[in-house]
Amino acid sequence: MVEKKYKVLFIAVSLVVLLLAAGCSAPSTTGSSTGTSVPATQQTVVQNTMVASIPTAGSETYSYTDADNGKTVAVPVTNHITITLNENPTTGYMWNATVTPGLTVMKDVYNAPNSNLAGASGTHTWDLVAMQKGSQKFSAVYRRSWETPTAGDTTYVLNINVQ
């Protein structure tokens, strides 16, 4: 009976160590992001997050901007997707993004403007990897976090057909 308790304790401690090690393996960035991992279940809320590195097989990068809002694009599985949108958090407005489980967020960072002007807007960039074939979606709402969402909020949607 005592031996069984030690086996269970050993397994529990091993799992905790593995979880802690996985959380510490995120790549470093020069932007202002946190080291929070993003679970790949349901829709994932994205905001200043970064997850562990993904295999670089098929390392072509597909880039999209506000001009691609509402489009459906095709991206091969394991390839990288970069989405860059204008953002001005000095006004309180920020992009609140979500992704479907087949997309993995590698980096989520605000890029400050190259300007001395107070209140100048910068850009927000998300680096994703298409990890699961099928219909995936990146969507974001540009609003102040303390305000109630409305139908008039600015939105961005990119439908991604991962092949």
Protein backbone atom coordinates (compact mmCIF):
# COMPACT_ATOMS: atom_id res chain seq x y z
CA MET A 1 0.00 0.00 0.00
CA VAL A 2 2.82 2.41 0.90
CA GLU A 3 4.62 1.54 -2.35
CA LYS A 4 1.48 2.50 -4.35
CA LYS A 5 1.35 5.90 -2.59
CA TYR A 6 4.96 6.59 -3.58
CA LYS A 7 4.25 5.68 -7.22
CA VAL A 8 1.27 8.06 -7.30
CA LEU A 9 3.33 10.80 -5.65
CA PHE A 10 6.18 10.25 -8.12
CA ILE A 11 3.79 10.51 -11.09
CA ALA A 12 2.19 13.68 -9.71
CA VAL A 13 5.55 15.36 -9.08
CA SER A 14 6.77 14.32 -12.55
CA LEU A 15 3.70 15.89 -14.18
CA VAL A 16 4.19 19.15 -12.28
CA VAL A 17 7.86 19.28 -13.33
CA LEU A 18 6.93 18.64 -16.97
CA LEU A 19 4.26 21.35 -16.90
CA LEU A 20 6.67 23.85 -15.39
CA ALA A 21 9.36 22.97 -17.92
CA ALA A 22 6.91 23.37 -20.81
CA GLY A 23 5.90 26.83 -19.56
CA CYS A 24 9.53 27.96 -19.44
CA SER A 25 10.36 26.98 -23.02
CA ALA A 26 8.80 29.97 -24.81
CA PRO A 27 11.13 31.75 -27.25
CA SER A 28 12.33 35.21 -26.34
CA THR A 29 11.10 38.30 -28.17
CA THR A 30 12.06 41.93 -28.29
CA GLY A 31 8.46 43.13 -28.06
CA SER A 32 6.28 43.70 -25.05
CA SER A 33 4.65 40.31 -24.65
CA THR A 34 4.21 37.99 -21.71
CA GLY A 35 5.16 34.35 -21.46
CA THR A 36 1.62 33.02 -21.07
CA SER A 37 0.83 29.79 -22.90
CA VAL A 38 -2.28 29.59 -25.04
CA PRO A 39 -4.35 26.38 -24.75
CA ALA A 40 -5.42 24.77 -28.01
CA THR A 41 -8.95 23.94 -26.94
CA GLN A 42 -12.10 25.74 -28.03
CA GLN A 43 -11.51 29.29 -29.24
CA THR A 44 -8.39 30.77 -27.76
CA VAL A 45 -8.38 34.36 -26.55
CA VAL A 46 -5.22 36.12 -27.58
CA GLN A 47 -3.76 39.19 -25.90
CA ASN A 48 -0.05 39.74 -25.39
CA THR A 49 0.70 36.05 -25.29
CA MET A 50 3.35 33.74 -26.58
CA VAL A 51 3.56 29.95 -26.68
CA ALA A 52 6.32 27.40 -27.05
CA SER A 53 8.15 27.05 -30.35
CA ILE A 54 6.58 25.13 -33.23
CA PRO A 55 8.41 23.00 -35.82
CA THR A 56 9.65 25.11 -38.73
CA ALA A 57 8.89 22.60 -41.49
CA GLY A 58 7.14 24.55 -44.23
CA SER A 59 8.48 27.83 -42.89
CA GLU A 60 7.00 30.13 -45.53
CA THR A 61 5.30 33.19 -44.03
CA TYR A 62 1.97 34.54 -45.29
CA SER A 63 1.40 38.20 -44.32
CA TYR A 64 -1.95 39.97 -43.99
CA THR A 65 -3.07 43.50 -43.03
CA ASP A 66 -6.29 45.45 -42.55
CA ALA A 67 -6.72 45.35 -46.35
CA ASP A 68 -7.42 41.60 -46.03
CA ASN A 69 -10.35 41.99 -43.62
CA GLY A 70 -13.13 39.53 -44.46
CA LYS A 71 -11.08 37.51 -46.93
CA THR A 72 -10.64 33.75 -47.08
CA VAL A 73 -7.06 32.68 -47.72
CA ALA A 74 -5.29 29.35 -48.24
CA VAL A 75 -2.21 28.44 -46.20
CA PRO A 76 -0.37 25.09 -46.16
CA VAL A 77 -0.23 23.30 -42.82
CA THR A 78 2.79 24.18 -40.57
CA ASN A 79 3.35 27.48 -42.37
CA HIS A 80 3.51 30.82 -40.60
CA ILE A 81 0.89 33.58 -40.76
CA THR A 82 1.56 37.18 -39.78
CA ILE A 83 -1.33 39.60 -39.24
CA THR A 84 -0.50 43.27 -38.68
CA LEU A 85 -3.19 45.82 -37.77
CA ASN A 86 -3.00 49.50 -36.81
CA GLU A 87 -3.56 50.10 -33.10
CA ASN A 88 -3.47 53.11 -30.78
CA PRO A 89 -3.64 51.95 -27.15
CA THR A 90 -3.03 55.52 -25.89
CA THR A 91 -6.73 56.11 -26.70
CA GLY A 92 -7.73 52.95 -24.84
CA TYR A 93 -8.60 51.11 -28.05
CA MET A 94 -6.88 47.78 -28.51
CA TRP A 95 -7.44 44.66 -30.60
CA ASN A 96 -8.98 41.75 -28.68
CA ALA A 97 -8.26 38.70 -30.82
CA THR A 98 -9.35 35.06 -30.86
CA VAL A 99 -8.16 32.10 -32.93
CA THR A 100 -9.61 28.66 -33.57
CA PRO A 101 -7.78 25.62 -32.16
CA GLY A 102 -5.99 24.79 -35.44
CA LEU A 103 -3.94 28.00 -35.22
CA THR A 104 -1.13 28.36 -32.70
CA VAL A 105 -0.10 31.83 -31.53
CA MET A 106 3.67 32.21 -31.60
CA LYS A 107 3.84 35.91 -30.81
CA ASP A 108 1.36 38.66 -29.99
CA VAL A 109 2.99 42.07 -29.66
CA TYR A 110 2.29 45.80 -29.96
CA ASN A 111 4.89 47.69 -32.01
CA ALA A 112 5.29 51.31 -30.91
CA PRO A 113 5.38 53.99 -33.61
CA ASN A 114 8.62 55.41 -34.97
CA SER A 115 7.52 58.89 -34.01
CA ASN A 116 8.11 61.49 -31.34
CA LEU A 117 4.47 62.57 -31.50
CA ALA A 118 2.50 61.85 -28.34
CA GLY A 119 -0.48 59.64 -29.03
CA ALA A 120 0.78 58.40 -32.42
CA SER A 121 -0.53 54.97 -33.35
CA GLY A 122 1.59 51.90 -33.90
CA THR A 123 0.78 48.40 -35.06
CA HIS A 124 -0.20 45.14 -33.43
CA THR A 125 1.30 41.96 -34.88
CA TRP A 126 0.29 38.35 -34.37
CA ASP A 127 2.54 35.55 -35.61
CA LEU A 128 0.60 32.31 -35.98
CA VAL A 129 1.31 28.80 -37.24
CA ALA A 130 -1.33 26.79 -39.12
CA MET A 131 -1.21 23.51 -37.21
CA GLN A 132 -4.44 21.75 -38.22
CA LYS A 133 -5.94 21.27 -41.67
CA GLY A 134 -9.41 22.62 -42.29
CA SER A 135 -11.26 25.89 -41.81
CA GLN A 136 -9.59 28.12 -39.22
CA LYS A 137 -10.31 31.70 -38.21
CA PHE A 138 -8.51 34.70 -36.77
CA SER A 139 -10.93 37.35 -35.52
CA ALA A 140 -10.45 40.55 -33.55
CA VAL A 141 -12.54 43.40 -32.15
CA TYR A 142 -11.06 46.90 -31.75
CA ARG A 143 -12.55 48.42 -28.61
CA ARG A 144 -11.89 49.72 -25.14
CA SER A 145 -11.79 46.84 -22.67
CA TRP A 146 -13.91 48.64 -20.08
CA GLU A 147 -16.75 49.40 -22.51
CA THR A 148 -19.59 47.06 -23.34
CA PRO A 149 -19.19 45.49 -26.80
CA THR A 150 -21.59 46.87 -29.41
CA ALA A 151 -22.58 45.98 -32.96
CA GLY A 152 -20.75 49.12 -34.12
CA ASP A 153 -17.33 47.97 -32.87
CA THR A 154 -14.63 47.69 -35.55
CA THR A 155 -13.91 44.04 -36.35
CA TYR A 156 -11.36 42.09 -38.35
CA VAL A 157 -11.85 38.55 -39.61
CA LEU A 158 -9.47 36.41 -41.63
CA ASN A 159 -10.80 32.99 -42.64
CA ILE A 160 -7.93 30.59 -43.22
CA ASN A 161 -8.26 27.39 -45.22
CA VAL A 162 -5.35 25.29 -43.93
CA GLN A 163 -4.38 22.72 -46.57
